[in-house]
Protein backbone atom coordinates (compact mmCIF):
# COMPACT_ATOMS: atom_id res chain seq x y z
CA MET A 1 25.81 24.71 -18.89
CA SER A 2 23.97 21.40 -19.05
CA THR A 3 25.67 18.21 -20.24
CA PRO A 4 24.63 17.22 -23.79
CA ARG A 5 22.15 14.38 -23.72
CA ASN A 6 22.94 11.00 -25.21
CA ASP A 7 20.29 10.73 -27.95
CA ALA A 8 21.68 7.41 -29.18
CA LEU A 9 21.08 5.89 -25.75
CA ILE A 10 17.68 7.56 -25.37
CA HIS A 11 16.47 5.95 -28.60
CA ASP A 12 18.13 2.56 -27.99
CA PRO A 13 15.24 0.08 -27.45
CA LYS A 14 17.62 -2.21 -25.54
CA GLY A 15 19.19 0.56 -23.44
CA GLY A 16 17.77 -0.79 -20.19
CA MET A 17 18.36 1.03 -16.93
CA ASP A 18 20.98 3.39 -18.38
CA ARG A 19 18.47 4.52 -21.01
CA LEU A 20 15.80 5.30 -18.42
CA LEU A 21 18.26 7.28 -16.29
CA GLU A 22 19.37 9.28 -19.33
CA ILE A 23 15.75 9.99 -20.30
CA MET A 24 15.05 11.25 -16.79
CA ARG A 25 18.15 13.43 -16.82
CA ALA A 26 17.07 14.89 -20.19
CA LEU A 27 13.55 15.59 -18.96
CA ARG A 28 14.95 17.57 -16.02
CA ASP A 29 17.53 19.47 -18.08
CA PRO A 30 16.93 23.15 -17.22
CA GLU A 31 17.68 24.27 -20.79
CA THR A 32 16.16 21.61 -23.03
CA GLY A 33 13.96 19.52 -20.75
CA CYS A 34 10.20 19.34 -20.17
CA PRO A 35 8.83 22.41 -18.31
CA TRP A 36 6.49 20.25 -16.22
CA ASP A 37 9.21 17.81 -15.16
CA ILE A 38 11.60 20.67 -14.37
CA GLU A 39 9.07 22.29 -12.04
CA GLN A 40 8.47 19.19 -9.95
CA THR A 41 9.79 18.67 -6.40
CA PHE A 42 9.95 15.72 -4.02
CA ALA A 43 6.69 16.88 -2.46
CA THR A 44 4.80 17.22 -5.75
CA ILE A 45 5.97 13.85 -7.06
CA ALA A 46 5.31 11.90 -3.83
CA PRO A 47 1.52 11.51 -4.46
CA TYR A 48 2.25 10.02 -7.89
CA THR A 49 4.67 7.58 -6.29
CA ILE A 50 1.99 6.38 -3.91
CA GLU A 51 -0.56 6.15 -6.73
CA GLU A 52 1.78 4.05 -8.88
CA ALA A 53 2.44 1.66 -6.00
CA TYR A 54 -1.30 1.12 -5.66
CA GLU A 55 -1.64 0.52 -9.39
CA VAL A 56 1.02 -2.21 -9.15
CA SER A 57 -0.96 -3.75 -6.32
CA ASP A 58 -4.18 -3.48 -8.32
CA ALA A 59 -2.66 -5.27 -11.32
CA ILE A 60 -1.50 -8.10 -9.06
CA GLU A 61 -4.87 -8.27 -7.32
CA ARG A 62 -6.60 -8.63 -10.72
CA GLU A 63 -3.88 -11.01 -11.97
CA ALA A 64 -3.50 -8.65 -14.91
CA TRP A 65 -0.05 -9.93 -15.74
CA GLY A 66 -0.02 -8.19 -19.11
CA GLU A 67 -0.39 -4.85 -17.32
CA LEU A 68 2.04 -5.57 -14.50
CA LYS A 69 5.18 -4.89 -16.54
CA GLY A 70 3.98 -1.40 -17.39
CA GLU A 71 2.85 -0.68 -13.83
CA LEU A 72 6.21 -1.80 -12.43
CA GLY A 73 7.87 0.46 -14.99
CA ASP A 74 5.75 3.39 -13.83
CA LEU A 75 6.78 2.71 -10.23
CA LEU A 76 10.45 2.38 -11.21
CA PHE A 77 10.23 5.72 -12.99
CA GLN A 78 9.09 7.31 -9.75
CA SER A 79 12.25 6.11 -8.03
CA VAL A 80 14.33 7.40 -10.93
CA PHE A 81 12.54 10.78 -10.74
CA HIS A 82 13.25 11.17 -7.01
CA ALA A 83 16.86 10.05 -7.46
CA GLN A 84 17.42 12.56 -10.27
CA MET A 85 16.12 15.41 -8.13
CA ALA A 86 18.32 14.22 -5.26
CA GLU A 87 21.39 14.12 -7.51
CA GLU A 88 20.68 17.67 -8.72
CA ALA A 89 20.53 18.77 -5.08
CA GLY A 90 23.80 17.02 -4.30
CA LEU A 91 22.13 14.54 -1.95
CA PHE A 92 22.65 11.14 -3.60
CA SER A 93 22.43 9.36 -6.95
CA PHE A 94 20.37 6.46 -8.26
CA ASN A 95 23.41 4.20 -7.85
CA ASP A 96 23.58 5.26 -4.20
CA VAL A 97 19.95 4.19 -3.83
CA ALA A 98 20.68 0.80 -5.41
CA ASP A 99 23.83 0.30 -3.31
CA THR A 100 21.98 1.21 -0.12
CA MET A 101 19.28 -1.37 -0.86
CA SER A 102 21.88 -4.01 -1.78
CA ASP A 103 23.75 -3.40 1.48
CA LYS A 104 20.49 -3.65 3.42
CA MET A 105 19.47 -6.94 1.79
CA VAL A 106 22.88 -8.51 2.38
CA LEU A 107 22.82 -7.40 6.02
CA ARG A 108 19.28 -8.64 6.61
CA HIS A 109 19.88 -12.06 5.05
CA PRO A 110 22.89 -13.50 6.92
CA HIS A 111 21.44 -16.99 6.31
CA VAL A 112 21.89 -16.41 2.55
CA PHE A 113 24.92 -14.13 2.30
CA GLY A 114 26.65 -14.87 5.61
CA GLU A 115 27.48 -17.70 7.93
CA GLU A 116 24.05 -18.35 9.45
CA SER A 117 22.20 -21.56 8.66
CA ARG A 118 19.29 -21.49 6.21
CA ASP A 119 17.62 -24.22 8.28
CA LYS A 120 14.97 -22.01 9.87
CA SER A 121 11.23 -21.53 9.47
CA ALA A 122 9.65 -18.51 7.82
CA GLU A 123 8.36 -17.52 11.26
CA GLN A 124 11.86 -17.61 12.73
CA GLN A 125 13.20 -15.63 9.78
CA THR A 126 10.54 -12.96 10.39
CA LYS A 127 11.66 -12.70 14.03
CA ASP A 128 15.30 -12.46 12.97
CA TRP A 129 14.40 -9.80 10.39
CA GLU A 130 12.66 -7.71 13.05
CA ALA A 131 15.64 -8.10 15.39
CA ILE A 132 18.00 -6.87 12.67
CA LYS A 133 15.72 -3.92 11.91
CA ALA A 134 15.61 -3.07 15.65
CA ALA A 135 19.40 -3.05 15.71
CA GLU A 136 19.42 -0.76 12.68
CA ARG A 137 17.04 1.63 14.41
CA ALA A 138 19.30 1.62 17.47
CA ASP A 139 22.26 2.54 15.27
CA LYS A 140 20.22 5.47 13.97
CA ALA A 141 19.55 6.57 17.56
CA GLN A 142 15.86 5.75 17.26
CA LYS A 143 15.10 5.10 20.90
CA GLY A 144 11.31 4.96 21.05
CA THR A 145 9.45 1.77 20.21
CA LEU A 146 7.23 3.54 17.67
CA GLU A 147 9.90 5.82 16.26
CA GLY A 148 10.55 5.41 12.56
CA VAL A 149 7.06 4.23 11.55
CA ALA A 150 6.49 6.55 8.59
CA VAL A 151 3.77 9.12 9.11
CA GLY A 152 3.00 9.19 5.39
CA LEU A 153 1.94 5.53 5.21
CA PRO A 154 -1.71 4.76 4.43
CA ALA A 155 -3.50 5.01 7.77
CA LEU A 156 -4.55 1.34 7.88
CA LEU A 157 -1.02 0.12 7.16
CA ARG A 158 0.47 2.52 9.70
CA ALA A 159 -1.99 1.28 12.34
CA LEU A 160 -0.76 -2.28 11.79
CA LYS A 161 2.88 -1.25 11.99
CA LEU A 162 2.32 0.73 15.18
CA GLN A 163 0.48 -2.21 16.74
CA ASN A 164 3.18 -4.67 15.71
CA ARG A 165 5.86 -2.47 17.22
CA ALA A 166 3.92 -2.18 20.49
CA ALA A 167 3.27 -5.93 20.54
CA ARG A 168 7.00 -6.67 20.33
CA VAL A 169 7.48 -5.06 23.73
CA GLY A 170 4.46 -6.82 25.24
CA PHE A 171 1.79 -4.14 24.78
CA ASP A 172 -0.85 -6.32 23.17
CA TRP A 173 -3.99 -8.27 23.94
CA PRO A 174 -3.31 -11.98 24.48
CA ASP A 175 -5.87 -13.14 21.90
CA ALA A 176 -8.60 -12.00 19.52
CA SER A 177 -11.41 -12.39 22.07
CA HIS A 178 -10.12 -9.39 23.99
CA VAL A 179 -10.03 -7.37 20.78
CA LEU A 180 -13.63 -8.32 20.00
CA ASP A 181 -14.64 -7.10 23.48
CA LYS A 182 -12.87 -3.82 22.76
CA ILE A 183 -14.74 -3.50 19.45
CA VAL A 184 -18.04 -3.79 21.32
CA GLU A 185 -16.86 -1.10 23.72
CA GLU A 186 -15.69 1.23 20.95
CA THR A 187 -18.92 0.70 18.99
CA GLN A 188 -20.98 1.71 22.01
CA GLU A 189 -18.81 4.80 22.49
CA LEU A 190 -19.37 5.72 18.83
CA VAL A 191 -23.14 5.40 19.22
CA GLU A 192 -23.03 7.61 22.32
CA ALA A 193 -20.89 10.15 20.49
CA ARG A 194 -23.35 10.22 17.59
CA ASP A 195 -26.21 10.98 19.96
CA GLN A 196 -24.50 13.35 22.39
CA LEU A 197 -21.20 14.76 21.12
CA THR A 198 -19.76 16.98 18.41
CA GLN A 199 -18.81 15.87 14.89
CA ALA A 200 -15.13 16.11 15.83
CA GLU A 201 -15.70 13.74 18.74
CA VAL A 202 -17.69 11.39 16.50
CA GLU A 203 -14.73 11.26 14.11
CA GLU A 204 -12.37 10.55 17.01
CA GLU A 205 -14.50 7.62 18.19
CA PHE A 206 -14.82 6.34 14.63
CA GLY A 207 -11.02 6.42 14.32
CA ASP A 208 -10.71 4.46 17.56
CA LEU A 209 -13.04 1.79 16.17
CA LEU A 210 -11.07 1.53 12.91
CA PHE A 211 -7.83 1.24 14.87
CA VAL A 212 -9.21 -1.66 16.91
CA MET A 213 -10.54 -3.31 13.74
CA ALA A 214 -7.00 -3.20 12.35
CA ASN A 215 -5.82 -4.87 15.53
CA LEU A 216 -8.43 -7.60 15.13
CA ALA A 217 -7.18 -8.22 11.60
CA ARG A 218 -3.64 -8.59 12.96
CA HIS A 219 -4.75 -11.10 15.61
CA MET A 220 -6.72 -13.12 13.05
CA GLY A 221 -3.94 -13.18 10.45
CA VAL A 222 -5.93 -11.04 8.00
CA GLU A 223 -4.29 -8.41 5.80
CA PRO A 224 -6.90 -5.66 6.24
CA GLU A 225 -6.03 -3.61 3.17
CA GLY A 226 -6.35 -6.70 0.98
CA ALA A 227 -9.57 -7.73 2.72
CA LEU A 228 -11.08 -4.30 2.13
CA ARG A 229 -9.97 -4.29 -1.51
CA ALA A 230 -11.69 -7.65 -1.94
CA ALA A 231 -14.83 -6.28 -0.29
CA ASN A 232 -14.72 -3.25 -2.62
CA ALA A 233 -14.39 -5.54 -5.62
CA LYS A 234 -17.28 -7.70 -4.42
CA PHE A 235 -19.50 -4.66 -3.87
CA THR A 236 -18.61 -3.32 -7.33
CA ARG A 237 -19.33 -6.68 -8.98
CA ARG A 238 -22.66 -7.13 -7.24
CA PHE A 239 -23.86 -3.58 -7.78
CA GLU A 240 -23.01 -3.86 -11.46
CA GLY A 241 -25.12 -7.04 -11.41
CA VAL A 242 -28.00 -5.04 -9.97
CA GLU A 243 -27.57 -2.43 -12.70
CA ALA A 244 -27.53 -5.15 -15.38
CA ARG A 245 -30.78 -6.63 -14.08
CA LEU A 246 -32.37 -3.20 -13.95
CA ALA A 247 -31.21 -2.52 -17.52
CA ALA A 248 -32.87 -5.77 -18.62
CA MET A 249 -36.09 -4.29 -17.19
CA GLY A 250 -35.53 -1.06 -19.09
CA LYS A 251 -34.64 0.84 -15.93
CA ARG A 252 -31.71 2.65 -14.35
CA PRO A 253 -30.86 2.77 -10.62
CA GLU A 254 -32.34 6.25 -10.30
CA ASP A 255 -35.63 4.86 -11.68
CA SER A 256 -35.71 2.19 -8.98
CA ASP A 257 -36.00 2.28 -5.19
CA LEU A 258 -34.14 0.69 -2.29
CA GLU A 259 -36.62 -2.16 -1.87
CA GLU A 260 -36.34 -3.25 -5.51
CA MET A 261 -32.55 -2.85 -5.65
CA ASP A 262 -32.14 -4.73 -2.39
CA ALA A 263 -34.15 -7.63 -3.81
CA LEU A 264 -32.01 -7.60 -6.95
CA TRP A 265 -28.87 -7.50 -4.79
CA ASP A 266 -30.03 -10.65 -3.01
CA ALA A 267 -30.69 -12.30 -6.37
CA VAL A 268 -27.21 -11.41 -7.65
CA LYS A 269 -25.69 -12.67 -4.40
CA LEU A 270 -27.58 -15.96 -4.64
CA ALA A 271 -26.55 -16.39 -8.29
CA GLU A 272 -22.90 -15.89 -7.34
CA LYS A 273 -23.08 -18.47 -4.57
CA THR A 274 -24.85 -20.97 -6.82
CA ALA A 275 -22.22 -20.50 -9.54
CA ALA A 276 -19.44 -20.91 -6.96
CA LYS A 277 -20.95 -24.20 -5.74
CA SER A 278 -21.21 -25.52 -9.29
CA ARG A 279 -17.49 -24.90 -9.83
CA ARG A 280 -16.47 -26.97 -6.80
């Protein structure tokens, strides 16, 4: 028989973390909970977890600070959901999750919580952090250099992590010029695949080119996911500018053609650059 829920806590506007945990427990109650929540599994909830993480990132990217609280709450709820399912399965509880993270942060910050000196650069701290993580992997019997890089990460992020791991053991180009040469090579191979090979082989060559582009970003100190998000935002902004100019002419994009829209694109681009100069 399920444990009676604490309705006073559930409706307490200042109930904090305990309130959220009780709400989650009530939602999953097999007798009185929500049918949808009861049916969920780790696998079915995982895509929502990833989506919520991206929505947090999107709010930060847009500096939508009024939305960030809600987005962080959504992401927190995902952790609570997974922890509740784990507790039902006898695996671990939410407190175990919090304690595990606390232990990890204390261990990885000996210059704050231990005897090490805080007199070190951010670069040195990054190196120390990676050394500690390597020791943790060794304790978990992870022997391979690339072992432990999560397969479920977004492909671009996983490419960076794989490349960073390989670079730590010396498998890396010495500078960005070598990566640029490799991009030329991979581009040529993609063109040849397009003209001579199967679609599967074209996709393989395209993947190789993306992988090397991620490596170039790493060598140039660029965060590729952020750079691509910015490019997406710029494209969206400029295309909406094209649509606005077409609307002023009484037209829609489907009423136009590439030549006209390309000219409007250039006009929007020029207007942006002129406005940017005036703000300097």
